Amino acid sequence: MVDLTLMQPDSQPTGYPPSSGHPDPYTAAHGGVQDFRNPTFPGSPPPTFPGPPGPQGYAATPGARSGASPVRAQSTAPTGHPAGTYAPFHMRFFAMVIDGLLIGVVVGGLFMVGAIAAAILGAAGGDTVVAVGGVLGLLVIAPLAIAGPALYYMLLETSPAQGTLGKQWMGLRVIRMDGHTLTKGQSLIRFAVRMFLSGAFLGVGYLLALFTQHKQALHDLIANTVVVERQP
């Protein structure tokens, strides 16, 4: 007779875990069928699979379980100006009036000082002195009358306030089209175009703000800027 015990292997083949007489957890969970494409061994972590796509605005985490808390995706897009908050024409108009009054008081004060100085010189030295003093006064006051407002706009538009006193009073600010603060060069270009072009031909440059998509006047279009309302 043949001894059948000699036909039973007394050891496991090389490369397989020792048999405990019970199916491993993976085999038991799948009805006793071992999936050799993704074998598992005692003590090894279960395989992970890509989780379901997250809701709109959220990123799915690889291996995430269904119902797990989504992770908010980080946006690297530059912050733009808020849509729908372009400054209305009437608010820009009142801001311009306020700035004009403030600048007018300062410039008018300079001319008044020049006129008083000319009168004093005339009383002391005659018409010739008045004429010379008037010419010198214009040479000094006229550049200040232009450079002063330019500095006023540039310093305030490039500041954290992003707007002149008139715009701040009306709750407005001027920014670049990408939402960032103006550079000094942009502010000066904007001022020059506003002073010499926007007001020409009956203020057509200003009236463009009534018809352009982003309510931009001529100086905004050339300087690539936009005026928006301040957010509360």
Foldseek 3Di string as FASTA:
>chain_A
DDDCVVVDDPADDPPDDDDPPDDDPVCVVVVNDADPVQGDDPPDDHDAAQDDADPPQFGGDGRDYPPDDTHGDDDPQFAFDDPPFFDDLVLVVQLVVVLVVVLCVVLVVLVVVLVVVLVVQCVVPNDVSSVVSVVVSCVPSVVCSVVVVLCQQLVCCQDPNNGHPSQVVSQKHKDARSHHGDDSVLSNQLVVCVVPPCPPPPRQQSVVLVPDPSSHGNSCVVSRMGMGGHDD
